[in-house]
């Protein structure tokens, strides 16, 4: 069973995500953390779909949350960038931008207990 410290750490990480969007979904949080786990290089939507066992539609919405626009006319958080994969133009490569990297630092602060609520 997880210790109280581990549970409090998990809660702090979720609270960090809630500071950028109070209505954020679990798939969106997982998509972002997957990019962080891969040193800021999330790969492409297909890799996120497979890694997190999500449908393509769910992965698309989760990724869109972090891009400049979630969908046409609806702004995203602008924490990730998307560019065409030169090796296979059917895919787009995803990576964290400066705002995304700054948010990673904020998550680390929450993990270390610097932002207790």
Protein backbone atom coordinates (compact mmCIF):
# COMPACT_ATOMS: atom_id res chain seq x y z
CA UNK A 1 0.00 0.00 0.00
CA UNK A 2 1.21 3.52 -0.80
CA UNK A 3 2.51 5.59 2.05
CA UNK A 4 0.84 8.81 3.11
CA UNK A 5 3.79 10.73 1.61
CA UNK A 6 3.29 9.03 -1.76
CA UNK A 7 -0.44 9.80 -1.75
CA UNK A 8 0.21 13.43 -0.78
CA UNK A 9 2.74 13.67 -3.64
CA UNK A 10 0.19 12.30 -6.12
CA UNK A 11 -2.38 14.82 -4.86
CA UNK A 12 0.12 17.69 -5.22
CA UNK A 13 0.82 16.70 -8.85
CA UNK A 14 -2.90 16.68 -9.65
CA UNK A 15 -3.22 20.07 -7.93
CA UNK A 16 -0.40 21.41 -10.13
CA UNK A 17 -2.39 20.43 -13.21
CA UNK A 18 -5.52 22.02 -11.75
CA UNK A 19 -3.67 25.36 -11.51
CA UNK A 20 -3.41 25.54 -15.32
CA UNK A 21 -6.92 24.21 -16.01
CA UNK A 22 -9.42 23.44 -13.25
CA UNK A 23 -11.35 21.13 -15.62
CA UNK A 24 -8.36 19.18 -16.98
CA UNK A 25 -8.95 15.52 -17.76
CA UNK A 26 -6.87 12.54 -16.75
CA UNK A 27 -5.97 11.70 -20.38
CA UNK A 28 -4.63 15.24 -20.83
CA UNK A 29 -2.53 14.95 -17.68
CA UNK A 30 -1.19 11.58 -18.80
CA UNK A 31 -0.34 12.85 -22.30
CA UNK A 32 1.68 15.69 -20.79
CA UNK A 33 3.47 13.43 -18.30
CA UNK A 34 4.32 11.02 -21.11
CA UNK A 35 6.04 13.88 -22.96
CA UNK A 36 7.98 14.73 -19.78
CA UNK A 37 8.93 11.09 -19.29
CA UNK A 38 10.42 11.10 -22.79
CA UNK A 39 12.56 14.19 -22.08
CA UNK A 40 10.13 16.59 -23.69
CA UNK A 41 9.68 14.53 -26.85
CA UNK A 42 6.22 12.97 -26.78
CA UNK A 43 6.70 11.31 -30.14
CA UNK A 44 3.51 11.35 -32.16
CA UNK A 45 -0.16 10.82 -31.44
CA UNK A 46 0.09 7.14 -32.33
CA UNK A 47 2.85 6.60 -29.76
CA UNK A 48 0.72 8.30 -27.08
CA UNK A 49 -2.32 6.28 -28.13
CA UNK A 50 -0.36 3.03 -27.76
CA UNK A 51 1.60 3.99 -24.63
CA UNK A 52 -1.44 5.12 -22.67
CA UNK A 53 -3.88 2.62 -24.18
CA UNK A 54 -6.23 5.39 -25.38
CA UNK A 55 -8.46 5.57 -28.42
CA UNK A 56 -7.22 7.80 -31.23
CA UNK A 57 -9.97 10.33 -30.50
CA UNK A 58 -9.12 10.49 -26.79
CA UNK A 59 -5.41 10.88 -27.54
CA UNK A 60 -6.17 13.63 -30.05
CA UNK A 61 -8.22 15.59 -27.48
CA UNK A 62 -5.59 14.99 -24.77
CA UNK A 63 -2.79 16.25 -27.01
CA UNK A 64 -4.84 19.16 -28.33
CA UNK A 65 -5.22 20.41 -24.78
CA UNK A 66 -1.49 21.25 -24.73
CA UNK A 67 -1.19 22.75 -28.23
CA UNK A 68 -1.94 26.34 -29.30
CA UNK A 69 -5.50 25.32 -30.20
CA UNK A 70 -7.49 22.40 -28.79
CA UNK A 71 -9.59 22.58 -31.93
CA UNK A 72 -10.41 25.38 -34.37
CA UNK A 73 -11.47 28.49 -32.48
CA UNK A 74 -10.78 27.04 -29.03
CA UNK A 75 -7.41 27.93 -27.51
CA UNK A 76 -5.25 25.30 -25.88
CA UNK A 77 -2.65 25.84 -23.18
CA UNK A 78 0.26 26.28 -25.64
CA UNK A 79 2.67 24.04 -23.70
CA UNK A 80 3.54 21.74 -26.63
CA UNK A 81 4.43 22.15 -30.29
CA UNK A 82 3.50 19.95 -33.19
CA UNK A 83 5.38 19.64 -36.47
CA UNK A 84 5.25 17.27 -39.41
CA UNK A 85 7.44 14.20 -38.99
CA UNK A 86 10.03 14.39 -41.81
CA UNK A 87 10.38 10.58 -41.75
CA UNK A 88 6.64 10.00 -42.25
CA UNK A 89 4.49 12.99 -43.20
CA UNK A 90 1.33 11.21 -42.02
CA UNK A 91 2.41 11.93 -38.44
CA UNK A 92 3.14 15.01 -36.41
CA UNK A 93 5.97 15.10 -33.87
CA UNK A 94 5.13 16.58 -30.50
CA UNK A 95 7.50 18.33 -28.09
CA UNK A 96 7.34 20.59 -25.05
CA UNK A 97 7.95 24.28 -25.68
CA UNK A 98 9.28 26.82 -23.13
CA UNK A 99 5.91 27.14 -21.41
CA UNK A 100 5.70 23.36 -21.15
CA UNK A 101 9.19 23.10 -19.72
CA UNK A 102 8.36 25.83 -17.18
CA UNK A 103 5.29 23.84 -16.16
CA UNK A 104 7.50 20.78 -15.64
CA UNK A 105 9.48 22.85 -13.13
CA UNK A 106 6.23 23.82 -11.42
CA UNK A 107 5.20 20.16 -11.18
CA UNK A 108 8.58 19.37 -9.62
CA UNK A 109 7.99 22.09 -7.03
CA UNK A 110 4.60 20.57 -6.19
CA UNK A 111 6.18 17.09 -5.94
CA UNK A 112 8.78 18.42 -3.54
CA UNK A 113 6.09 20.03 -1.41
CA UNK A 114 6.97 23.66 -2.20
CA UNK A 115 3.32 24.47 -2.95
CA UNK A 116 1.29 23.02 -0.12
CA UNK A 117 -2.41 23.86 -0.07
